[in-house]
Amino acid sequence: MEGQFTVKASRLYDSVSNKIIDDGAVVVCGDRVVYAGAASGLPSIQGDELSFENHTLLPGLIDAHVHLTMDGGADPVLDLTRDSLPKASFRAVRNAEKLINAGITTVRDCGSQGYVSVELSEAERSGLIKKTPRIVACGPPICITGGHGNFIGMCCDGPDEVRKAARTIIKNGAKFLKLISTGGVITPGSTMGATQLDPPEVAAAVAEAKKLGLKTAAHAHGTEGIKIALKAGVNTIEHASYVDEESIELFLQTGAVFVSTLIASQRQIEHIHEIPAFIGPKIIVHIEKEKESIEKLIEAGVTAVAGTDAGTPYNPHGELYLQLITLSKLGLGNLGALKAGTIDAATALNMESDVGSLTTGKKADFIVVKGSPEKDLATLKEVCSVWKNGIRIC
């Protein structure tokens, strides 16, 4: 369907007001929304029309933390280290198709083999590949020698090496920088809460990103690593598993957000006997603390953004709805969780002028689901139709 057209549904989710509008409609011209709201307010020229009874229109969903070159097998790190770059690229394309079919029209890739996700992002922007979300990619994360994520990261020791790495990664097309502030789950020999990058190292990377108006993200489970990242001005804290009162106050002072990926931990617990043996003991000790931290952050009013860490063990791409359900149960409620997976995620990615809400002038990214997601987020599991840039994907 080309030119101008209208899609109507029984309900429309307005992520800006965080409310449901009955008898909603979206009018699209080219790749942009020209009207979104109640059908009673439709402009006189609407073009062709599609109607969905007992369905809900929503902005395209946003998964703020994925790994496109990993596909959620029992040991995706081993698979990744064995992959050639061409094979990793094919894997990423397949995962991208799963994501768009699930109604996830934008993703932030938080670390891939080589610059595969950066190149895939460029291919999407140029129109070379159509069946993919738009992708914000960091390329290789910045980590310490032997630290968490070293299997895909750029290993650095000292502020000068970090500064050079940041400049190199940006030169090669990254749209944000990912820093490994603490140990993690899926790296052998890595202690989850242990601080890795030191304060001057984190500060060096943040300074380079700020020069070009780019955002920064920090993988940070441990309390001290969270504080180091926040004090340096990092924009998003990934996981944020062990917070205390001081770190919560730093979130509120700096305006940083946390990207919850609890679904990854839940999946590893579910498959505890199938994943690599070294992971199990970490997750068993860790998962309740991660839940407690999410509850504390939400209660304090820190902005939550939804991510899945898709690609990690038994955590396939395209299941953002499970993370939204988790955030709802831990304090956001259903509408708050939808906001975390739409406009709040778009703002965290510095993309709120284009995506994240059904607003006049924004990209025509939207989905249709049967039923009422504000009542039952599981309705997001079955996406009926997906539009991206005004083009129907499925």
Protein backbone atom coordinates (compact mmCIF):
# COMPACT_ATOMS: atom_id res chain seq x y z
CA MET A 1 0.00 0.00 0.00
CA GLU A 2 1.57 3.28 -1.14
CA GLY A 3 0.74 6.97 -0.77
CA GLN A 4 -1.76 7.97 1.90
CA PHE A 5 -3.78 5.41 3.84
CA THR A 6 -5.62 4.96 7.14
CA VAL A 7 -5.53 2.14 9.66
CA LYS A 8 -8.33 1.96 12.23
CA ALA A 9 -8.64 -0.22 15.32
CA SER A 10 -10.84 -0.51 18.37
CA ARG A 11 -8.08 0.99 20.51
CA LEU A 12 -4.89 3.03 20.07
CA TYR A 13 -2.09 3.23 22.63
CA ASP A 14 -0.77 6.78 23.03
CA SER A 15 2.66 6.34 24.63
CA VAL A 16 3.13 10.07 25.27
CA SER A 17 0.05 10.37 27.49
CA ASN A 18 0.36 6.69 28.42
CA LYS A 19 -3.34 6.18 27.76
CA ILE A 20 -5.61 4.10 25.57
CA ILE A 21 -7.78 5.94 23.03
CA ASP A 22 -10.97 4.16 22.01
CA ASP A 23 -11.78 3.88 18.29
CA GLY A 24 -8.29 4.88 17.23
CA ALA A 25 -6.85 5.63 13.81
CA VAL A 26 -3.51 6.33 12.18
CA VAL A 27 -3.18 8.15 8.87
CA VAL A 28 0.06 7.64 6.97
CA CYS A 29 1.49 9.59 4.05
CA GLY A 30 4.72 8.21 2.66
CA ASP A 31 6.89 7.16 5.59
CA ARG A 32 5.34 9.54 8.13
CA VAL A 33 2.33 9.71 10.43
CA VAL A 34 0.06 12.62 9.48
CA TYR A 35 -2.64 11.89 12.07
CA ALA A 36 -2.98 9.61 15.10
CA GLY A 37 -5.81 9.67 17.60
CA ALA A 38 -9.54 9.14 17.79
CA ALA A 39 -11.23 8.16 14.54
CA SER A 40 -13.74 10.94 15.14
CA GLY A 41 -11.02 13.48 14.48
CA LEU A 42 -9.84 12.06 11.16
CA PRO A 43 -8.94 14.55 8.41
CA SER A 44 -11.21 14.62 5.37
CA ILE A 45 -8.64 13.06 3.01
CA GLN A 46 -7.71 9.65 4.38
CA GLY A 47 -6.82 7.50 1.36
CA ASP A 48 -7.35 3.74 1.42
CA GLU A 49 -8.56 2.30 4.69
CA LEU A 50 -7.97 -0.84 6.76
CA SER A 51 -9.99 -1.65 9.87
CA PHE A 52 -9.22 -4.06 12.72
CA GLU A 53 -12.12 -4.84 15.04
CA ASN A 54 -11.18 -5.77 18.62
CA HIS A 55 -7.55 -4.91 17.96
CA THR A 56 -5.13 -2.30 19.31
CA LEU A 57 -2.78 -0.01 17.40
CA LEU A 58 0.56 0.63 19.11
CA PRO A 59 3.84 2.31 18.18
CA GLY A 60 6.45 -0.15 16.95
CA LEU A 61 8.12 -1.76 19.95
CA ILE A 62 11.74 -1.03 20.88
CA ASP A 63 14.16 -3.56 22.36
CA ALA A 64 16.96 -1.49 23.86
CA HIS A 65 19.41 -4.35 24.44
CA VAL A 66 20.06 -7.16 21.96
CA HIS A 67 23.04 -9.01 20.48
CA LEU A 68 22.27 -9.70 16.83
CA THR A 69 25.23 -12.00 16.14
CA MET A 70 24.18 -14.31 18.99
CA ASP A 71 21.07 -16.43 18.64
CA GLY A 72 20.17 -17.76 22.07
CA GLY A 73 21.59 -21.26 21.91
CA ALA A 74 22.87 -23.17 24.94
CA ASP A 75 26.35 -21.64 24.54
CA PRO A 76 26.10 -18.68 22.15
CA VAL A 77 29.54 -17.36 23.13
CA LEU A 78 31.15 -20.57 21.89
CA ASP A 79 29.10 -20.39 18.69
CA LEU A 80 30.10 -16.77 18.19
CA THR A 81 33.82 -17.39 18.63
CA ARG A 82 33.63 -20.17 16.03
CA ASP A 83 31.72 -18.07 13.48
CA SER A 84 33.40 -16.40 10.55
CA LEU A 85 32.27 -12.83 9.96
CA PRO A 86 30.15 -13.86 6.95
CA LYS A 87 28.39 -16.53 9.04
CA ALA A 88 27.88 -14.03 11.88
CA SER A 89 26.34 -11.67 9.35
CA PHE A 90 23.87 -14.29 8.13
CA ARG A 91 22.98 -15.05 11.74
CA ALA A 92 22.36 -11.34 12.42
CA VAL A 93 20.12 -10.96 9.37
CA ARG A 94 18.04 -13.96 10.47
CA ASN A 95 17.70 -12.55 13.99
CA ALA A 96 16.71 -9.15 12.64
CA GLU A 97 13.89 -10.75 10.65
CA LYS A 98 12.61 -12.49 13.81
CA LEU A 99 12.57 -9.15 15.60
CA ILE A 100 10.62 -7.22 12.97
CA ASN A 101 8.09 -10.04 12.62
CA ALA A 102 7.51 -9.78 16.38
CA GLY A 103 6.58 -6.10 16.09
CA ILE A 104 9.96 -4.80 17.27
CA THR A 105 10.71 -2.05 14.76
CA THR A 106 13.78 -0.58 16.48
CA VAL A 107 16.61 -2.26 18.39
CA ARG A 108 19.82 -1.20 20.05
CA ASP A 109 22.57 -3.74 19.49
CA CYS A 110 24.83 -3.72 22.56
CA GLY A 111 27.75 -5.65 21.14
CA SER A 112 28.32 -7.82 18.11
CA GLN A 113 31.10 -9.73 16.44
CA GLY A 114 33.27 -7.23 14.61
CA TYR A 115 31.17 -4.44 13.17
CA VAL A 116 28.47 -6.74 11.80
CA SER A 117 25.59 -4.89 13.48
CA VAL A 118 26.97 -1.52 12.43
CA GLU A 119 27.06 -2.70 8.82
CA LEU A 120 23.58 -4.20 9.10
CA SER A 121 22.36 -0.87 10.43
CA GLU A 122 23.85 0.88 7.38
CA ALA A 123 22.25 -1.71 5.08
CA GLU A 124 18.86 -1.00 6.66
CA ARG A 125 19.29 2.76 6.35
CA SER A 126 20.28 2.51 2.69
CA GLY A 127 17.36 0.22 1.87
CA LEU A 128 19.58 -2.73 0.99
CA ILE A 129 17.75 -4.90 3.55
CA LYS A 130 14.05 -4.33 4.17
CA LYS A 131 12.92 -6.99 6.65
CA THR A 132 14.78 -5.70 9.67
CA PRO A 133 14.23 -3.23 12.50
CA ARG A 134 16.14 0.02 12.38
CA ILE A 135 19.30 -0.66 14.36
CA VAL A 136 21.35 1.52 16.69
CA ALA A 137 24.69 -0.27 17.04
CA CYS A 138 27.79 0.20 19.18
CA GLY A 139 30.13 -2.23 17.43
CA PRO A 140 32.57 -3.81 19.88
CA PRO A 141 32.11 -2.89 23.56
CA ILE A 142 35.04 -1.34 25.39
CA CYS A 143 36.33 -3.72 28.07
CA ILE A 144 39.47 -4.48 30.06
CA THR A 145 41.97 -7.12 29.01
CA GLY A 146 40.49 -10.47 29.98
CA GLY A 147 37.29 -8.81 31.21
CA HIS A 148 33.64 -9.53 30.60
CA GLY A 149 32.74 -9.41 26.92
CA ASN A 150 36.33 -9.71 25.72
CA PHE A 151 35.15 -12.27 23.13
CA ILE A 152 33.53 -9.42 21.18
CA GLY A 153 35.06 -6.38 22.89
CA MET A 154 37.92 -4.02 22.26
CA CYS A 155 40.25 -4.65 25.19
CA CYS A 156 41.83 -1.56 26.72
CA ASP A 157 43.97 -0.75 29.76
CA GLY A 158 44.24 2.87 30.87
CA PRO A 159 42.48 6.06 29.75
CA ASP A 160 44.65 6.57 26.68
CA GLU A 161 43.84 3.15 25.26
CA VAL A 162 40.15 3.69 26.01
CA ARG A 163 40.22 7.08 24.29
CA LYS A 164 41.86 5.57 21.18
CA ALA A 165 39.34 2.71 21.18
CA ALA A 166 36.40 5.10 21.49
CA ARG A 167 37.63 7.18 18.58
CA THR A 168 38.22 4.08 16.45
CA ILE A 169 34.80 2.62 17.18
CA ILE A 170 33.07 5.91 16.38
CA LYS A 171 35.13 6.24 13.19
CA ASN A 172 33.87 2.84 12.11
CA GLY A 173 30.24 3.90 12.35
CA ALA A 174 29.04 3.20 15.90
CA LYS A 175 26.10 5.35 17.02
CA PHE A 176 26.80 4.96 20.75
CA LEU A 177 29.54 3.53 22.97
CA LYS A 178 29.10 0.50 25.21
CA LEU A 179 31.38 0.22 28.25
CA ILE A 180 31.91 -2.86 30.40
CA SER A 181 31.96 -1.46 33.91
CA THR A 182 31.72 -4.75 35.84
CA GLY A 183 32.02 -8.47 35.41
CA GLY A 184 29.19 -10.46 33.86
CA VAL A 185 27.38 -13.76 33.59
CA ILE A 186 28.38 -15.44 30.35
CA THR A 187 32.15 -14.77 30.34
CA PRO A 188 34.17 -17.61 31.90
CA GLY A 189 36.23 -16.44 34.88
CA SER A 190 34.32 -13.18 35.23
CA THR A 191 32.99 -12.22 38.68
CA MET A 192 29.65 -10.49 38.24
CA GLY A 193 29.89 -7.70 40.76
CA ALA A 194 33.60 -6.97 40.32
CA THR A 195 34.52 -3.53 39.03
CA GLN A 196 36.42 -3.61 35.74
CA LEU A 197 36.89 -0.28 33.94
CA ASP A 198 38.27 2.31 36.38
CA PRO A 199 36.77 5.82 36.78
CA PRO A 200 39.33 7.58 34.52
CA GLU A 201 38.79 4.95 31.83
CA VAL A 202 35.01 5.34 31.86
CA ALA A 203 35.34 9.12 31.91
CA ALA A 204 37.63 9.06 28.86
CA ALA A 205 35.06 7.17 26.78
CA VAL A 206 32.17 9.36 27.91
CA ALA A 207 34.13 12.49 26.99
CA GLU A 208 34.76 11.21 23.46
CA ALA A 209 31.09 10.34 22.95
CA LYS A 210 29.92 13.71 24.24
CA LYS A 211 32.12 15.55 21.73
CA LEU A 212 29.94 14.13 18.96
CA GLY A 213 26.61 14.13 20.76
CA LEU A 214 26.58 10.35 21.13
CA LYS A 215 25.16 8.48 24.10
CA THR A 216 26.91 5.92 26.25
CA ALA A 217 25.76 2.70 27.87
CA ALA A 218 27.46 0.75 30.64
CA HIS A 219 27.09 -2.93 31.39
CA ALA A 220 27.03 -2.74 35.19
CA HIS A 221 25.87 -5.40 37.63
CA GLY A 222 27.92 -4.45 40.71
CA THR A 223 27.17 -1.45 42.92
CA GLU A 224 30.55 0.23 42.59
CA GLY A 225 30.61 -0.17 38.82
CA ILE A 226 27.12 1.36 38.60
CA LYS A 227 28.29 4.38 40.61
CA ILE A 228 31.46 4.82 38.55
CA ALA A 229 29.41 4.88 35.35
CA LEU A 230 26.81 7.29 36.72
CA LYS A 231 29.41 9.69 38.11
CA ALA A 232 31.13 9.73 34.72
CA GLY A 233 27.90 10.72 32.97
CA VAL A 234 26.91 7.43 31.31
CA ASN A 235 23.36 7.70 29.93
CA THR A 236 22.03 4.16 30.37
CA ILE A 237 22.96 1.49 32.87
CA GLU A 238 22.40 -2.01 31.55
CA HIS A 239 21.16 -4.57 34.10
CA ALA A 240 21.78 -2.45 37.25
CA SER A 241 21.58 -5.57 39.39
CA TYR A 242 22.95 -4.38 42.74
CA VAL A 243 21.80 -0.87 43.56
CA ASP A 244 22.00 0.94 46.88
CA GLU A 245 20.59 4.28 48.07
CA GLU A 246 23.57 6.26 46.78
CA SER A 247 23.36 4.77 43.31
CA ILE A 248 19.60 5.37 43.16
CA GLU A 249 20.19 9.00 44.11
CA LEU A 250 22.82 9.26 41.34
CA PHE A 251 20.29 7.94 38.82
CA LEU A 252 17.84 10.64 39.87
CA GLN A 253 20.46 13.41 39.89
CA THR A 254 21.93 12.58 36.49
CA GLY A 255 18.73 11.59 34.67
CA ALA A 256 20.28 8.29 33.63
CA VAL A 257 17.93 5.39 32.97
CA PHE A 258 18.27 1.68 33.65
CA VAL A 259 17.74 -0.94 30.99
CA SER A 260 16.32 -4.04 32.61
CA THR A 261 17.14 -7.39 31.01
CA LEU A 262 15.82 -9.69 33.74
CA ILE A 263 14.31 -12.05 31.17
CA ALA A 264 17.88 -13.19 30.36
CA SER A 265 18.46 -14.28 33.96
CA GLN A 266 15.06 -15.93 34.13
CA ARG A 267 15.79 -17.95 31.00
CA GLN A 268 19.11 -19.14 32.41
CA ILE A 269 17.40 -20.29 35.60
CA GLU A 270 14.84 -22.19 33.52
CA HIS A 271 17.65 -23.97 31.65
CA ILE A 272 20.13 -24.23 34.50
CA HIS A 273 21.16 -27.80 33.60
CA GLU A 274 21.61 -27.08 29.89
CA ILE A 275 23.75 -23.95 29.93
CA PRO A 276 27.53 -23.95 30.52
CA ALA A 277 28.26 -25.16 34.06
CA PHE A 278 30.06 -21.99 35.20
CA ILE A 279 26.95 -19.83 34.61
CA GLY A 280 24.56 -21.63 36.96
CA PRO A 281 26.13 -20.68 40.32
CA LYS A 282 26.28 -17.02 39.27
CA ILE A 283 22.61 -16.86 38.30
CA ILE A 284 21.35 -18.70 41.38
CA VAL A 285 23.03 -16.15 43.65
CA HIS A 286 22.21 -13.19 41.44
CA ILE A 287 18.63 -13.32 40.21
CA GLU A 288 16.78 -12.30 43.40
CA LYS A 289 19.10 -9.32 43.88
CA GLU A 290 18.41 -8.24 40.32
CA LYS A 291 14.64 -8.39 40.96
CA GLU A 292 15.03 -6.40 44.18
CA SER A 293 17.06 -3.73 42.40
CA ILE A 294 14.43 -3.33 39.69
CA GLU A 295 11.71 -2.90 42.31
CA LYS A 296 13.78 -0.30 44.20
CA LEU A 297 14.57 1.68 41.04
CA ILE A 298 10.94 1.70 39.89
CA GLU A 299 9.69 2.69 43.33
CA ALA A 300 12.19 5.56 43.43
CA GLY A 301 10.96 6.88 40.09
CA VAL A 302 14.02 6.06 37.98
CA THR A 303 13.03 5.65 34.33
CA ALA A 304 12.96 2.02 33.24
CA VAL A 305 13.63 0.95 29.66
CA ALA A 306 12.93 -2.53 28.32
CA GLY A 307 15.67 -4.74 26.92
CA THR A 308 16.04 -8.48 26.58
CA ASP A 309 19.77 -9.21 26.15
CA ALA A 310 18.47 -11.40 23.31
CA GLY A 311 21.06 -13.81 21.98
CA THR A 312 22.27 -14.93 25.42
CA PRO A 313 21.64 -18.56 26.52
CA TYR A 314 18.09 -19.76 25.77
CA ASN A 315 17.04 -16.15 25.19
CA PRO A 316 15.94 -15.89 21.55
CA HIS A 317 15.23 -12.71 19.65
CA GLY A 318 11.71 -11.36 19.39
CA GLU A 319 10.36 -12.01 22.90
CA LEU A 320 10.31 -8.49 24.30
CA TYR A 321 6.75 -9.06 25.52
CA LEU A 322 8.12 -11.34 28.27
CA GLN A 323 10.38 -8.57 29.56
CA LEU A 324 7.43 -6.15 29.50
CA ILE A 325 5.37 -8.61 31.54
CA THR A 326 8.24 -8.86 34.04
CA LEU A 327 8.54 -5.08 34.39
CA SER A 328 4.79 -4.81 34.87
CA LYS A 329 4.84 -7.33 37.71
CA LEU A 330 7.81 -5.63 39.40
CA GLY A 331 6.06 -2.28 39.70
CA LEU A 332 5.48 -0.57 36.35
CA GLY A 333 2.04 -1.99 35.61
CA ASN A 334 0.96 -2.80 32.07
CA LEU A 335 0.79 0.74 30.73
CA GLY A 336 4.10 1.64 32.36
CA ALA A 337 5.71 -1.40 30.77
CA LEU A 338 4.37 -0.40 27.34
CA LYS A 339 5.92 3.04 27.87
CA ALA A 340 9.24 1.38 28.76
CA GLY A 341 9.13 -0.47 25.45
CA THR A 342 8.16 2.53 23.32
CA ILE A 343 8.67 6.25 24.04
CA ASP A 344 10.99 5.85 27.05
CA ALA A 345 13.17 3.47 25.05
CA ALA A 346 13.18 5.87 22.09
CA THR A 347 14.32 8.71 24.35
CA ALA A 348 17.10 6.57 25.82
CA LEU A 349 18.29 5.83 22.27
CA ASN A 350 18.13 9.53 21.32
CA MET A 351 15.47 8.69 18.72
CA GLU A 352 12.35 10.20 20.24
CA SER A 353 11.96 12.68 17.37
CA ASP A 354 11.40 9.79 14.95
CA VAL A 355 10.04 6.74 16.80
CA GLY A 356 8.46 5.61 20.06
CA SER A 357 5.02 7.17 19.71
CA LEU A 358 2.21 7.58 17.21
CA THR A 359 2.67 11.29 16.72
CA THR A 360 2.21 13.51 13.67
CA GLY A 361 5.51 13.90 11.82
CA LYS A 362 7.17 10.79 13.21
CA LYS A 363 8.11 7.69 11.25
CA ALA A 364 5.13 5.48 10.48
CA ASP A 365 6.25 2.56 12.64
CA PHE A 366 3.29 0.81 14.24
CA ILE A 367 1.83 -2.60 14.98
CA VAL A 368 -1.59 -4.15 15.38
CA VAL A 369 -2.35 -6.77 18.04
CA LYS A 370 -5.58 -8.58 18.83
CA GLY A 371 -7.15 -7.72 22.16
CA SER A 372 -6.14 -5.22 24.83
CA PRO A 373 -2.44 -5.15 25.83
CA GLU A 374 -3.19 -2.66 28.61
CA LYS A 375 -5.13 -5.51 30.23
CA ASP A 376 -2.94 -8.43 29.14
CA LEU A 377 0.58 -7.88 27.81
CA ALA A 378 0.64 -11.45 26.52
CA THR A 379 -1.42 -10.18 23.56
CA LEU A 380 1.90 -8.78 22.25
CA LYS A 381 3.05 -12.35 21.62
CA GLU A 382 0.79 -12.55 18.56
CA VAL A 383 1.37 -9.49 16.38
CA CYS A 384 -1.14 -9.33 13.52
CA SER A 385 0.53 -6.69 11.36
CA VAL A 386 3.69 -4.59 11.38
CA TRP A 387 4.38 -1.35 9.52
CA LYS A 388 7.79 0.30 9.34
CA ASN A 389 8.39 3.57 7.52
CA GLY A 390 4.81 3.32 6.25
CA ILE A 391 5.44 -0.04 4.58
CA ARG A 392 3.61 -3.15 5.71
CA ILE A 393 6.17 -5.79 6.68
CA CYS A 394 3.76 -8.53 7.64
